[in-house]
Amino acid sequence: MMDSALYNRDILRLATSLVAGERLDNPDGVAESRSPICGSRIQAEIAMGANGTITAIALRANACALGQASAAIVRAHAAGCDVAHIAEIRDGVEQALKQNGEMPAHWPELALLAPARDYPSRHAAILLPYDVILAAAAQMKLAS
C-alpha cells in the first residue's frame, strides 16, 4: 500500500521530472552510488568551473520515487554550488530525517521529503544524490 503522505502528487511529479539518460559531453567527475538498504542506484556526471563550483550536472536514477524526487531537487539546484555546500545540505537533510528537525531552507522543495523521516529505510535513497555528487567530485580530485 502506498502511503499518500509519503508518495504525494508533488513527490511523484518531481520523481518523473528527471531526464532519462541525461549525460554531459565532457564531465570532470563521474560516479555511481547504490543504497545497500533499498537497492536504489544513481549515476552522476559533473562539470566543475575553475572557481570550484559545479557548472553542470547530469543524474540518472534507478531509484524509488523518493530517491528520484531527491535527485530532481539536487539536479535543479546543484549548478552554481560548490562541493562544500552540497555536503552541508546533505548533512542538513540527514539531520532533519534522523532527528525530526527542519529540512534545510536553501532549497524549498526539500520540505516535500520531510514525511520520510518516519521511514528510516528510505533515508539512504534520499541522501543518494548528494553522496554520488560528492563521490564524483572526489573521483575528479583523484584523477587530477
N, C-alpha and C. Protein backbone atom coordinates (compact mmCIF):
# COMPACT_ATOMS: atom_id res chain seq x y z
N MET A 1 0.83 -1.18 0.00
CA MET A 1 0.00 0.00 0.00
C MET A 1 0.88 1.25 0.00
N MET A 2 0.55 2.20 -0.83
CA MET A 2 1.33 3.42 -0.96
C MET A 2 0.85 4.44 0.06
N ASP A 3 1.76 4.97 0.86
CA ASP A 3 1.42 5.98 1.86
C ASP A 3 1.28 7.33 1.16
N SER A 4 0.06 7.90 1.21
CA SER A 4 -0.20 9.13 0.46
C SER A 4 0.57 10.33 1.01
N ALA A 5 0.93 10.32 2.30
CA ALA A 5 1.74 11.42 2.83
C ALA A 5 3.16 11.36 2.28
N LEU A 6 3.62 10.14 2.04
CA LEU A 6 4.98 9.94 1.56
C LEU A 6 5.08 10.07 0.05
N TYR A 7 4.15 9.45 -0.65
CA TYR A 7 4.18 9.45 -2.11
C TYR A 7 3.03 10.30 -2.66
N ASN A 8 3.09 11.59 -2.36
CA ASN A 8 2.04 12.50 -2.80
C ASN A 8 2.30 13.00 -4.22
N ARG A 9 1.38 13.75 -4.73
CA ARG A 9 1.45 14.26 -6.11
C ARG A 9 2.73 15.04 -6.37
N ASP A 10 3.16 15.86 -5.40
CA ASP A 10 4.37 16.67 -5.60
C ASP A 10 5.63 15.80 -5.68
N ILE A 11 5.70 14.77 -4.83
CA ILE A 11 6.85 13.85 -4.87
C ILE A 11 6.86 13.11 -6.20
N LEU A 12 5.71 12.62 -6.62
CA LEU A 12 5.64 11.87 -7.87
C LEU A 12 5.96 12.77 -9.08
N ARG A 13 5.54 14.03 -9.02
CA ARG A 13 5.85 14.97 -10.10
C ARG A 13 7.36 15.19 -10.18
N LEU A 14 8.00 15.39 -9.03
CA LEU A 14 9.45 15.55 -9.01
C LEU A 14 10.14 14.29 -9.52
N ALA A 15 9.66 13.14 -9.06
CA ALA A 15 10.29 11.86 -9.43
C ALA A 15 10.28 11.65 -10.93
N THR A 16 9.25 12.11 -11.59
CA THR A 16 9.16 11.89 -13.04
C THR A 16 9.78 13.02 -13.85
N SER A 17 10.35 14.01 -13.17
CA SER A 17 10.90 15.16 -13.89
C SER A 17 12.36 14.97 -14.32
N LEU A 18 13.03 13.95 -13.81
CA LEU A 18 14.41 13.69 -14.25
C LEU A 18 14.42 13.28 -15.71
N VAL A 19 15.41 13.74 -16.43
CA VAL A 19 15.54 13.41 -17.84
C VAL A 19 16.23 12.05 -17.95
N ALA A 20 15.55 11.08 -18.53
CA ALA A 20 16.13 9.74 -18.67
C ALA A 20 17.36 9.79 -19.58
N GLY A 21 18.41 9.12 -19.15
CA GLY A 21 19.60 9.03 -19.98
C GLY A 21 20.41 10.31 -20.11
N GLU A 22 20.15 11.28 -19.25
CA GLU A 22 20.88 12.56 -19.33
C GLU A 22 22.38 12.33 -19.13
N ARG A 23 23.17 12.98 -19.98
CA ARG A 23 24.63 12.88 -19.91
C ARG A 23 25.27 14.23 -20.21
N LEU A 24 26.50 14.40 -19.73
CA LEU A 24 27.30 15.57 -20.07
C LEU A 24 28.30 15.16 -21.14
N ASP A 25 28.65 16.09 -22.02
CA ASP A 25 29.61 15.79 -23.09
C ASP A 25 31.01 15.50 -22.54
N ASN A 26 31.49 16.33 -21.65
CA ASN A 26 32.84 16.17 -21.11
C ASN A 26 32.82 16.34 -19.60
N PRO A 27 32.32 15.35 -18.85
CA PRO A 27 32.26 15.52 -17.40
C PRO A 27 33.65 15.52 -16.77
N ASP A 28 33.79 16.30 -15.72
CA ASP A 28 35.04 16.31 -14.96
C ASP A 28 35.06 15.19 -13.93
N GLY A 29 33.89 14.81 -13.46
CA GLY A 29 33.78 13.74 -12.47
C GLY A 29 32.58 12.87 -12.76
N VAL A 30 32.76 11.56 -12.56
CA VAL A 30 31.69 10.59 -12.81
C VAL A 30 31.69 9.62 -11.64
N ALA A 31 30.50 9.26 -11.16
CA ALA A 31 30.41 8.28 -10.09
C ALA A 31 29.04 7.62 -10.11
N GLU A 32 28.97 6.49 -9.47
CA GLU A 32 27.70 5.79 -9.26
C GLU A 32 27.65 5.38 -7.80
N SER A 33 26.51 5.59 -7.17
CA SER A 33 26.32 5.17 -5.79
C SER A 33 25.06 4.33 -5.70
N ARG A 34 25.10 3.37 -4.80
CA ARG A 34 23.98 2.45 -4.61
C ARG A 34 23.67 2.35 -3.14
N SER A 35 22.40 2.31 -2.81
CA SER A 35 21.97 2.12 -1.43
C SER A 35 21.85 0.64 -1.15
N PRO A 36 22.62 0.12 -0.21
CA PRO A 36 22.50 -1.30 0.11
C PRO A 36 21.17 -1.64 0.78
N ILE A 37 20.51 -0.65 1.34
CA ILE A 37 19.25 -0.88 2.04
C ILE A 37 18.11 -1.17 1.07
N CYS A 38 17.99 -0.34 0.03
CA CYS A 38 16.84 -0.48 -0.88
C CYS A 38 17.23 -0.82 -2.31
N GLY A 39 18.52 -0.78 -2.62
CA GLY A 39 18.96 -1.10 -3.96
C GLY A 39 18.89 0.06 -4.95
N SER A 40 18.46 1.23 -4.49
CA SER A 40 18.44 2.40 -5.38
C SER A 40 19.84 2.69 -5.86
N ARG A 41 19.93 3.14 -7.12
CA ARG A 41 21.24 3.44 -7.73
C ARG A 41 21.13 4.76 -8.49
N ILE A 42 22.12 5.62 -8.31
CA ILE A 42 22.15 6.90 -9.02
C ILE A 42 23.55 7.09 -9.59
N GLN A 43 23.59 7.51 -10.84
CA GLN A 43 24.84 7.85 -11.52
C GLN A 43 24.88 9.36 -11.69
N ALA A 44 26.05 9.93 -11.49
CA ALA A 44 26.22 11.38 -11.64
C ALA A 44 27.40 11.69 -12.53
N GLU A 45 27.24 12.73 -13.30
CA GLU A 45 28.33 13.34 -14.05
C GLU A 45 28.30 14.82 -13.70
N ILE A 46 29.46 15.35 -13.36
CA ILE A 46 29.53 16.77 -13.01
C ILE A 46 30.62 17.46 -13.81
N ALA A 47 30.39 18.72 -14.09
CA ALA A 47 31.41 19.59 -14.68
C ALA A 47 31.69 20.68 -13.65
N MET A 48 32.96 20.97 -13.46
CA MET A 48 33.35 21.97 -12.46
C MET A 48 34.01 23.16 -13.12
N GLY A 49 33.72 24.33 -12.58
CA GLY A 49 34.35 25.55 -13.05
C GLY A 49 35.68 25.76 -12.36
N ALA A 50 36.45 26.68 -12.87
CA ALA A 50 37.76 26.99 -12.30
C ALA A 50 37.64 27.49 -10.86
N ASN A 51 36.48 28.07 -10.52
CA ASN A 51 36.29 28.60 -9.17
C ASN A 51 35.80 27.54 -8.18
N GLY A 52 35.71 26.27 -8.62
CA GLY A 52 35.32 25.20 -7.73
C GLY A 52 33.83 24.96 -7.59
N THR A 53 33.05 25.61 -8.43
CA THR A 53 31.61 25.38 -8.38
C THR A 53 31.20 24.40 -9.48
N ILE A 54 30.10 23.73 -9.23
CA ILE A 54 29.54 22.83 -10.22
C ILE A 54 28.90 23.68 -11.31
N THR A 55 29.31 23.46 -12.54
CA THR A 55 28.75 24.25 -13.64
C THR A 55 27.66 23.49 -14.39
N ALA A 56 27.71 22.15 -14.33
CA ALA A 56 26.69 21.33 -14.98
C ALA A 56 26.63 20.00 -14.26
N ILE A 57 25.45 19.39 -14.29
CA ILE A 57 25.25 18.11 -13.61
C ILE A 57 24.25 17.27 -14.41
N ALA A 58 24.53 15.99 -14.50
CA ALA A 58 23.60 15.03 -15.09
C ALA A 58 23.42 13.91 -14.08
N LEU A 59 22.18 13.58 -13.78
CA LEU A 59 21.87 12.49 -12.85
C LEU A 59 20.98 11.48 -13.55
N ARG A 60 21.32 10.22 -13.39
CA ARG A 60 20.47 9.13 -13.89
C ARG A 60 20.13 8.27 -12.69
N ALA A 61 18.84 8.09 -12.46
CA ALA A 61 18.40 7.39 -11.24
C ALA A 61 17.62 6.14 -11.57
N ASN A 62 17.97 5.08 -10.89
CA ASN A 62 17.19 3.86 -10.87
C ASN A 62 16.85 3.68 -9.39
N ALA A 63 15.83 4.41 -8.95
CA ALA A 63 15.55 4.52 -7.53
C ALA A 63 14.05 4.61 -7.29
N CYS A 64 13.69 4.50 -6.03
CA CYS A 64 12.29 4.68 -5.65
C CYS A 64 11.88 6.13 -5.91
N ALA A 65 10.61 6.40 -5.79
CA ALA A 65 10.11 7.75 -6.06
C ALA A 65 10.77 8.79 -5.16
N LEU A 66 11.06 8.45 -3.91
CA LEU A 66 11.72 9.41 -3.02
C LEU A 66 13.15 9.70 -3.46
N GLY A 67 13.87 8.67 -3.87
CA GLY A 67 15.23 8.86 -4.37
C GLY A 67 15.25 9.68 -5.64
N GLN A 68 14.30 9.40 -6.53
CA GLN A 68 14.21 10.17 -7.77
C GLN A 68 13.80 11.61 -7.50
N ALA A 69 12.87 11.82 -6.57
CA ALA A 69 12.46 13.18 -6.23
C ALA A 69 13.62 13.96 -5.62
N SER A 70 14.36 13.31 -4.74
CA SER A 70 15.53 13.94 -4.14
C SER A 70 16.56 14.29 -5.22
N ALA A 71 16.77 13.37 -6.16
CA ALA A 71 17.70 13.64 -7.26
C ALA A 71 17.23 14.82 -8.10
N ALA A 72 15.94 14.92 -8.33
CA ALA A 72 15.41 16.03 -9.12
C ALA A 72 15.63 17.36 -8.41
N ILE A 73 15.49 17.37 -7.09
CA ILE A 73 15.73 18.60 -6.31
C ILE A 73 17.20 18.99 -6.42
N VAL A 74 18.08 18.02 -6.23
CA VAL A 74 19.51 18.28 -6.33
C VAL A 74 19.85 18.76 -7.74
N ARG A 75 19.31 18.09 -8.73
CA ARG A 75 19.56 18.43 -10.14
C ARG A 75 19.17 19.88 -10.43
N ALA A 76 18.06 20.31 -9.84
CA ALA A 76 17.55 21.66 -10.08
C ALA A 76 18.41 22.74 -9.44
N HIS A 77 19.14 22.40 -8.37
CA HIS A 77 19.82 23.44 -7.60
C HIS A 77 21.35 23.32 -7.53
N ALA A 78 21.93 22.20 -7.91
CA ALA A 78 23.36 21.98 -7.67
C ALA A 78 24.27 22.87 -8.51
N ALA A 79 23.87 23.17 -9.74
CA ALA A 79 24.73 24.03 -10.58
C ALA A 79 24.89 25.38 -9.90
N GLY A 80 26.12 25.82 -9.79
CA GLY A 80 26.42 27.07 -9.11
C GLY A 80 26.86 26.87 -7.67
N CYS A 81 26.69 25.66 -7.14
CA CYS A 81 27.12 25.36 -5.77
C CYS A 81 28.52 24.76 -5.79
N ASP A 82 29.24 24.96 -4.70
CA ASP A 82 30.50 24.24 -4.57
C ASP A 82 30.23 22.95 -3.80
N VAL A 83 31.21 22.07 -3.79
CA VAL A 83 31.05 20.75 -3.18
C VAL A 83 30.78 20.87 -1.69
N ALA A 84 31.40 21.83 -1.02
CA ALA A 84 31.18 22.01 0.41
C ALA A 84 29.72 22.35 0.70
N HIS A 85 29.10 23.13 -0.17
CA HIS A 85 27.68 23.48 0.01
C HIS A 85 26.80 22.25 -0.17
N ILE A 86 27.12 21.42 -1.16
CA ILE A 86 26.37 20.18 -1.37
C ILE A 86 26.49 19.30 -0.12
N ALA A 87 27.69 19.18 0.43
CA ALA A 87 27.91 18.38 1.64
C ALA A 87 27.13 18.95 2.82
N GLU A 88 27.09 20.27 2.93
CA GLU A 88 26.36 20.93 4.02
C GLU A 88 24.86 20.65 3.92
N ILE A 89 24.32 20.74 2.72
CA ILE A 89 22.89 20.47 2.55
C ILE A 89 22.60 19.00 2.81
N ARG A 90 23.47 18.11 2.34
CA ARG A 90 23.29 16.68 2.59
C ARG A 90 23.23 16.42 4.09
N ASP A 91 24.17 17.00 4.84
CA ASP A 91 24.19 16.79 6.29
C ASP A 91 22.93 17.36 6.94
N GLY A 92 22.43 18.49 6.43
CA GLY A 92 21.20 19.06 6.95
C GLY A 92 19.99 18.19 6.68
N VAL A 93 19.93 17.60 5.50
CA VAL A 93 18.83 16.69 5.16
C VAL A 93 18.90 15.45 6.06
N GLU A 94 20.10 14.90 6.21
CA GLU A 94 20.25 13.71 7.07
C GLU A 94 19.82 14.02 8.50
N GLN A 95 20.25 15.16 9.00
CA GLN A 95 19.89 15.54 10.37
C GLN A 95 18.37 15.72 10.50
N ALA A 96 17.75 16.35 9.52
CA ALA A 96 16.30 16.55 9.55
C ALA A 96 15.57 15.21 9.55
N LEU A 97 16.05 14.27 8.75
CA LEU A 97 15.40 12.96 8.67
C LEU A 97 15.59 12.16 9.97
N LYS A 98 16.79 12.17 10.51
CA LYS A 98 17.09 11.33 11.67
C LYS A 98 16.69 11.95 12.99
N GLN A 99 16.69 13.28 13.07
CA GLN A 99 16.43 13.93 14.36
C GLN A 99 15.13 14.72 14.36
N ASN A 100 14.28 14.45 13.37
CA ASN A 100 12.96 15.09 13.31
C ASN A 100 13.07 16.62 13.28
N GLY A 101 14.11 17.11 12.60
CA GLY A 101 14.32 18.55 12.51
C GLY A 101 13.72 19.12 11.24
N GLU A 102 14.03 20.38 11.01
CA GLU A 102 13.56 21.06 9.81
C GLU A 102 14.52 20.79 8.66
N MET A 103 13.96 20.63 7.48
CA MET A 103 14.78 20.47 6.29
C MET A 103 15.51 21.80 6.01
N PRO A 104 16.70 21.74 5.42
CA PRO A 104 17.41 22.98 5.07
C PRO A 104 16.52 23.88 4.21
N ALA A 105 16.53 25.15 4.52
CA ALA A 105 15.66 26.10 3.81
C ALA A 105 16.26 26.55 2.48
N HIS A 106 17.53 26.19 2.20
CA HIS A 106 18.19 26.63 0.96
C HIS A 106 17.38 26.27 -0.27
N TRP A 107 16.85 25.05 -0.27
CA TRP A 107 16.11 24.54 -1.41
C TRP A 107 14.71 24.18 -0.91
N PRO A 108 13.71 25.03 -1.13
CA PRO A 108 12.38 24.86 -0.54
C PRO A 108 11.73 23.51 -0.81
N GLU A 109 12.01 22.89 -1.95
CA GLU A 109 11.38 21.61 -2.28
C GLU A 109 11.79 20.50 -1.31
N LEU A 110 12.89 20.68 -0.57
CA LEU A 110 13.31 19.67 0.39
C LEU A 110 12.23 19.40 1.44
N ALA A 111 11.41 20.39 1.72
CA ALA A 111 10.32 20.21 2.70
C ALA A 111 9.37 19.09 2.27
N LEU A 112 9.27 18.83 0.97
CA LEU A 112 8.40 17.76 0.49
C LEU A 112 8.88 16.38 0.94
N LEU A 113 10.16 16.27 1.28
CA LEU A 113 10.72 14.99 1.70
C LEU A 113 10.59 14.75 3.21
N ALA A 114 10.14 15.75 3.95
CA ALA A 114 10.05 15.65 5.40
C ALA A 114 9.22 14.46 5.90
N PRO A 115 8.10 14.10 5.26
CA PRO A 115 7.34 12.95 5.76
C PRO A 115 8.14 11.64 5.78
N ALA A 116 9.24 11.57 5.05
CA ALA A 116 10.06 10.35 5.01
C ALA A 116 10.83 10.14 6.31
N ARG A 117 10.84 11.11 7.19
CA ARG A 117 11.59 10.93 8.45
C ARG A 117 11.05 9.74 9.23
N ASP A 118 9.77 9.40 9.04
CA ASP A 118 9.17 8.27 9.74
C ASP A 118 9.45 6.93 9.06
N TYR A 119 10.24 6.95 7.98
CA TYR A 119 10.55 5.75 7.21
C TYR A 119 12.06 5.63 7.05
N PRO A 120 12.77 5.20 8.10
CA PRO A 120 14.24 5.14 8.04
C PRO A 120 14.79 4.35 6.85
N SER A 121 14.04 3.38 6.37
CA SER A 121 14.53 2.59 5.23
C SER A 121 14.59 3.41 3.95
N ARG A 122 13.99 4.59 3.92
CA ARG A 122 14.01 5.45 2.74
C ARG A 122 15.08 6.55 2.82
N HIS A 123 15.68 6.73 3.98
CA HIS A 123 16.65 7.81 4.16
C HIS A 123 17.84 7.69 3.22
N ALA A 124 18.36 6.48 3.04
CA ALA A 124 19.54 6.30 2.19
C ALA A 124 19.24 6.70 0.75
N ALA A 125 18.05 6.37 0.26
CA ALA A 125 17.69 6.73 -1.12
C ALA A 125 17.60 8.25 -1.27
N ILE A 126 17.12 8.93 -0.26
CA ILE A 126 17.00 10.39 -0.30
C ILE A 126 18.39 11.04 -0.30
N LEU A 127 19.33 10.46 0.42
CA LEU A 127 20.68 11.02 0.52
C LEU A 127 21.57 10.63 -0.66
N LEU A 128 21.17 9.63 -1.41
CA LEU A 128 21.99 9.10 -2.50
C LEU A 128 22.42 10.15 -3.53
N PRO A 129 21.57 11.08 -3.97
CA PRO A 129 22.03 12.07 -4.95
C PRO A 129 23.19 12.94 -4.44
N TYR A 130 23.16 13.26 -3.17
CA TYR A 130 24.24 14.05 -2.59
C TYR A 130 25.52 13.21 -2.54
N ASP A 131 25.37 11.96 -2.09
CA ASP A 131 26.53 11.08 -1.96
C ASP A 131 27.21 10.85 -3.31
N VAL A 132 26.42 10.70 -4.37
CA VAL A 132 27.02 10.43 -5.67
C VAL A 132 27.71 11.67 -6.23
N ILE A 133 27.19 12.84 -5.96
CA ILE A 133 27.85 14.08 -6.39
C ILE A 133 29.18 14.24 -5.65
N LEU A 134 29.16 13.98 -4.34
CA LEU A 134 30.40 14.08 -3.56
C LEU A 134 31.41 13.03 -4.03
N ALA A 135 30.93 11.84 -4.40
CA ALA A 135 31.83 10.80 -4.92
C ALA A 135 32.40 11.21 -6.28
N ALA A 136 31.58 11.83 -7.13
CA ALA A 136 32.08 12.29 -8.43
C ALA A 136 33.13 13.37 -8.25
N ALA A 137 32.92 14.26 -7.29
CA ALA A 137 33.89 15.32 -7.03
C ALA A 137 35.18 14.73 -6.47
N ALA A 138 35.08 13.74 -5.60
CA ALA A 138 36.27 13.10 -5.04
C ALA A 138 37.03 12.35 -6.14
N GLN A 139 36.31 11.68 -7.02
CA GLN A 139 36.93 10.94 -8.12
C GLN A 139 37.68 11.92 -9.03
N MET A 140 37.09 13.08 -9.24
CA MET A 140 37.70 14.09 -10.08
C MET A 140 39.03 14.56 -9.48
N LYS A 141 39.05 14.76 -8.16
CA LYS A 141 40.28 15.20 -7.49
C LYS A 141 41.37 14.14 -7.58
N LEU A 142 40.96 12.87 -7.49
CA LEU A 142 41.93 11.77 -7.60
C LEU A 142 42.55 11.71 -8.98
N ALA A 143 41.75 12.04 -10.00
CA ALA A 143 42.23 11.95 -11.38
C ALA A 143 43.17 13.09 -11.75
N SER A 144 43.08 14.20 -11.02
CA SER A 144 43.90 15.35 -11.40
C SER A 144 45.25 15.36 -10.74
